[in-house]
Every structure is written in structure tokens, then in C-alpha cells.
Amino acid sequence: MKIKGEAVNDLAEIIDGRAFMQFAAGDSVLLTSHALSSYFMDECFKMIKNQGIDIFDMLQDIAGKPLQTYTSTVDEFGNITDMRLNQPKLKLV
């Protein structure tokens, strides 16, 4: 697998559809296995949530205690600049 900059630099000025697909799938700049699995998991979670099941609540029930969650602030480049611990959602039993 090429590093992102190398893959882009190796492209010609004008490319056809086949060259683009090779670039996207083969050189992994657009379609990395991580990106595909993340997309797949996001779609699965959306589908499950549409069925009325909240995965987060399910995980908390399995763990038997509230899970820690964080709220982050990002800059214009997408870098995290601040991260704060959220208060847990406690249930009255």
C-alpha cells in the first residue's frame, strides 16, 4: 500500500474511470479497509437504531454500570482541541 501522498503524486494529470477505480481501490486513498468497515458498522448501527434498539443502552445493561462518554471539540482541521468527560446517565432502580 502506498502512502497517501505517494499515491496522489503517481497519478497522471488526466485519468480515465479505470485508472480512478484502481487509484480508489488499489492505492487505498479513498477505500481503505478501515474506511469500509467503519461505513459498514455505521450503517448497521443506523439500521439497528431504526428498529428501536439502542446499542449504547444495551452495552450499559451488559456492563452493569454507566459507560464513560466524552464530548470533544475540534478545530477547522478536525484535530481534537478539548475533551470533556460527560456525566453518566443514571437509572433509578
Protein backbone atom coordinates (compact mmCIF):
# COMPACT_ATOMS: atom_id res chain seq x y z
CA MET A 1 0.00 0.00 0.00
CA LYS A 2 1.29 3.42 -0.90
CA ILE A 3 1.33 6.37 1.44
CA LYS A 4 -1.41 8.88 0.59
CA GLY A 5 0.96 11.49 -0.89
CA GLU A 6 2.81 8.91 -2.99
CA ALA A 7 -0.43 7.56 -4.47
CA VAL A 8 -1.62 11.05 -5.42
CA ASN A 9 1.75 12.05 -6.87
CA ASP A 10 1.82 8.92 -9.06
CA LEU A 11 -1.43 9.90 -10.82
CA ALA A 12 -1.35 11.41 -14.29
CA GLU A 13 -2.84 14.87 -14.88
CA ILE A 14 -5.90 13.35 -16.59
CA ILE A 15 -7.14 9.85 -15.76
CA ASP A 16 -9.96 7.67 -17.04
CA GLY A 17 -12.57 5.79 -14.98
CA ARG A 18 -10.49 2.61 -14.84
CA ALA A 19 -7.44 4.48 -13.55
CA PHE A 20 -9.62 6.20 -10.94
CA MET A 21 -11.03 2.87 -9.72
CA GLN A 22 -7.51 1.44 -9.49
CA PHE A 23 -6.47 4.50 -7.52
CA ALA A 24 -9.50 4.35 -5.20
CA ALA A 25 -9.50 0.61 -4.57
CA GLY A 26 -5.87 -0.36 -5.15
CA ASP A 27 -3.95 2.55 -3.77
CA SER A 28 -6.28 2.77 -0.81
CA VAL A 29 -6.55 6.52 -0.52
CA LEU A 30 -10.35 6.52 -0.69
CA LEU A 31 -11.38 2.95 0.08
CA THR A 32 -9.22 1.62 2.89
CA SER A 33 -10.43 -1.48 4.68
CA HIS A 34 -10.79 0.66 7.81
CA ALA A 35 -13.00 3.17 5.98
CA LEU A 36 -15.16 0.39 4.53
CA SER A 37 -15.56 -1.38 7.87
CA SER A 38 -16.38 1.92 9.60
CA TYR A 39 -19.00 2.69 6.97
CA PHE A 40 -20.45 -0.82 7.30
CA MET A 41 -20.61 -0.58 11.12
CA ASP A 42 -22.21 2.89 10.97
CA GLU A 43 -24.88 1.59 8.59
CA CYS A 44 -25.50 -1.45 10.82
CA PHE A 45 -25.90 0.78 13.89
CA LYS A 46 -28.33 3.05 12.00
CA MET A 47 -30.38 0.06 10.89
CA ILE A 48 -30.49 -1.36 14.43
CA LYS A 49 -31.41 2.03 15.89
CA ASN A 50 -34.23 2.37 13.32
CA GLN A 51 -35.62 -0.89 14.73
CA GLY A 52 -35.88 0.78 18.16
CA ILE A 53 -32.80 -0.82 19.73
CA ASP A 54 -30.25 1.48 21.36
CA ILE A 55 -26.84 -0.21 21.26
CA PHE A 56 -25.38 2.15 23.86
CA ASP A 57 -28.11 1.31 26.40
CA MET A 58 -27.67 -2.38 25.63
CA LEU A 59 -23.92 -2.17 26.33
CA GLN A 60 -24.56 -0.34 29.60
CA ASP A 61 -27.00 -3.06 30.66
CA ILE A 62 -24.44 -5.75 29.84
CA ALA A 63 -21.66 -3.91 31.70
CA GLY A 64 -23.94 -3.30 34.66
CA LYS A 65 -22.70 0.24 35.10
CA PRO A 66 -22.76 3.51 33.16
CA LEU A 67 -20.17 3.73 30.38
CA GLN A 68 -17.90 6.75 30.24
CA THR A 69 -18.55 9.07 27.32
CA TYR A 70 -16.73 12.19 26.24
CA THR A 71 -17.59 15.35 24.34
CA SER A 72 -14.80 16.67 22.15
CA THR A 73 -14.21 19.98 20.44
CA VAL A 74 -12.34 20.03 17.13
CA ASP A 75 -10.58 22.77 15.19
CA GLU A 76 -11.05 23.56 11.50
CA PHE A 77 -8.70 20.70 10.56
CA GLY A 78 -10.60 18.09 12.56
CA ASN A 79 -7.99 17.84 15.32
CA ILE A 80 -9.34 17.42 18.84
CA THR A 81 -8.62 20.54 20.87
CA ASP A 82 -10.64 19.78 24.01
CA MET A 83 -12.19 16.66 25.50
CA ARG A 84 -14.53 16.60 28.49
CA LEU A 85 -15.98 13.69 30.41
CA ASN A 86 -19.79 13.60 30.28
CA GLN A 87 -21.84 12.92 33.37
CA PRO A 88 -23.25 9.38 33.28
CA LYS A 89 -26.96 8.81 32.68
CA LEU A 90 -28.04 7.06 35.84
CA LYS A 91 -31.22 4.99 36.02
CA LEU A 92 -33.44 4.87 39.09
CA VAL A 93 -33.91 1.26 40.11
